[in-house]
Amino acid sequence: MKEQIIYKNKQLEDAEEQLKRAQANLTEAKRRQSADKRKAENHHKYIMGGLCVKYLDDAYLYEEGDF
């Protein structure tokens, strides 16, 4: 059986390295975007929760069975 020997030249190695870096950058950008979105959603939740407690505090006086 013949063994296949794959020779890589410098350009191919550089291109593969660039591809790996680009994929890592894409993954990091997606992670940052997700974190920013989560941060904004949580901020909105906390603000709205505070407003509900401040202006609708009687809503928290009832138990779930009361409805």
C-alpha atoms as a PDB file:
ATOM      1  CA  MET A   1       0.000   0.000   0.000  1.00  0.00           C
ATOM      2  CA  LYS A   2       1.179   3.428  -0.811  1.00  0.00           C
ATOM      3  CA  GLU A   3       1.465   5.941   1.959  1.00  0.00           C
ATOM      4  CA  GLN A   4       0.279   9.386   1.185  1.00  0.00           C
ATOM      5  CA  ILE A   5       2.641  12.064   2.290  1.00  0.00           C
ATOM      6  CA  ILE A   6       1.131  15.505   2.509  1.00  0.00           C
ATOM      7  CA  TYR A   7       3.535  18.347   2.154  1.00  0.00           C
ATOM      8  CA  LYS A   8       2.438  21.760   3.290  1.00  0.00           C
ATOM      9  CA  ASN A   9       4.087  24.858   2.081  1.00  0.00           C
ATOM     10  CA  LYS A  10       4.462  28.031   4.095  1.00  0.00           C
ATOM     11  CA  GLN A  11       1.490  29.767   2.441  1.00  0.00           C
ATOM     12  CA  LEU A  12      -0.849  26.905   3.273  1.00  0.00           C
ATOM     13  CA  GLU A  13       0.307  26.844   6.895  1.00  0.00           C
ATOM     14  CA  ASP A  14      -0.180  30.615   7.161  1.00  0.00           C
ATOM     15  CA  ALA A  15      -3.650  30.367   5.632  1.00  0.00           C
ATOM     16  CA  GLU A  16      -4.661  27.629   8.090  1.00  0.00           C
ATOM     17  CA  GLU A  17      -3.356  29.703  10.992  1.00  0.00           C
ATOM     18  CA  GLN A  18      -5.337  32.723   9.777  1.00  0.00           C
ATOM     19  CA  LEU A  19      -8.438  30.540   9.532  1.00  0.00           C
ATOM     20  CA  LYS A  20      -7.994  29.341  13.120  1.00  0.00           C
ATOM     21  CA  ARG A  21      -7.534  32.927  14.341  1.00  0.00           C
ATOM     22  CA  ALA A  22     -10.600  34.099  12.393  1.00  0.00           C
ATOM     23  CA  GLN A  23     -12.718  31.316  13.889  1.00  0.00           C
ATOM     24  CA  ALA A  24     -11.484  32.196  17.379  1.00  0.00           C
ATOM     25  CA  ASN A  25     -12.261  35.886  16.760  1.00  0.00           C
ATOM     26  CA  LEU A  26     -15.755  34.990  15.544  1.00  0.00           C
ATOM     27  CA  THR A  27     -16.398  32.840  18.599  1.00  0.00           C
ATOM     28  CA  GLU A  28     -15.172  35.615  20.905  1.00  0.00           C
ATOM     29  CA  ALA A  29     -17.329  38.230  19.130  1.00  0.00           C
ATOM     30  CA  LYS A  30     -20.414  36.016  19.466  1.00  0.00           C
ATOM     31  CA  ARG A  31     -19.656  35.478  23.154  1.00  0.00           C
ATOM     32  CA  ARG A  32     -19.245  39.222  23.736  1.00  0.00           C
ATOM     33  CA  GLN A  33     -22.479  39.978  21.864  1.00  0.00           C
ATOM     34  CA  SER A  34     -24.349  37.399  23.932  1.00  0.00           C
ATOM     35  CA  ALA A  35     -22.908  38.796  27.163  1.00  0.00           C
ATOM     36  CA  ASP A  36     -23.876  42.351  26.196  1.00  0.00           C
ATOM     37  CA  LYS A  37     -27.407  41.231  25.324  1.00  0.00           C
ATOM     38  CA  ARG A  38     -27.739  39.345  28.610  1.00  0.00           C
ATOM     39  CA  LYS A  39     -26.420  42.374  30.514  1.00  0.00           C
ATOM     40  CA  ALA A  40     -28.959  44.674  28.861  1.00  0.00           C
ATOM     41  CA  GLU A  41     -31.820  42.255  29.519  1.00  0.00           C
ATOM     42  CA  ASN A  42     -30.837  41.855  33.163  1.00  0.00           C
ATOM     43  CA  HIS A  43     -30.543  45.621  33.596  1.00  0.00           C
ATOM     44  CA  HIS A  44     -34.041  46.043  32.164  1.00  0.00           C
ATOM     45  CA  LYS A  45     -35.364  43.298  34.448  1.00  0.00           C
ATOM     46  CA  TYR A  46     -33.872  44.929  37.536  1.00  0.00           C
ATOM     47  CA  ILE A  47     -35.149  48.387  36.579  1.00  0.00           C
ATOM     48  CA  MET A  48     -38.666  47.090  35.891  1.00  0.00           C
ATOM     49  CA  GLY A  49     -38.629  45.040  39.077  1.00  0.00           C
ATOM     50  CA  GLY A  50     -37.663  48.112  41.070  1.00  0.00           C
ATOM     51  CA  LEU A  51     -40.427  50.145  39.467  1.00  0.00           C
ATOM     52  CA  CYS A  52     -42.974  47.443  40.247  1.00  0.00           C
ATOM     53  CA  VAL A  53     -41.901  47.369  43.884  1.00  0.00           C
ATOM     54  CA  LYS A  54     -41.897  51.158  44.120  1.00  0.00           C
ATOM     55  CA  TYR A  55     -45.200  51.911  42.425  1.00  0.00           C
ATOM     56  CA  LEU A  56     -47.101  48.622  42.717  1.00  0.00           C
ATOM     57  CA  ASP A  57     -45.975  47.474  46.122  1.00  0.00           C
ATOM     58  CA  ASP A  58     -49.430  46.179  46.999  1.00  0.00           C
ATOM     59  CA  ALA A  59     -49.032  43.559  44.263  1.00  0.00           C
ATOM     60  CA  TYR A  60     -46.445  41.839  46.434  1.00  0.00           C
ATOM     61  CA  LEU A  61     -48.807  41.588  49.412  1.00  0.00           C
ATOM     62  CA  TYR A  62     -50.911  38.831  47.858  1.00  0.00           C
ATOM     63  CA  GLU A  63     -50.176  35.153  47.872  1.00  0.00           C
ATOM     64  CA  GLU A  64     -50.598  33.077  44.724  1.00  0.00           C
ATOM     65  CA  GLY A  65     -53.557  31.246  46.273  1.00  0.00           C
ATOM     66  CA  ASP A  66     -55.423  34.546  46.752  1.00  0.00           C
ATOM     67  CA  PHE A  67     -55.996  34.890  43.030  1.00  0.00           C
END
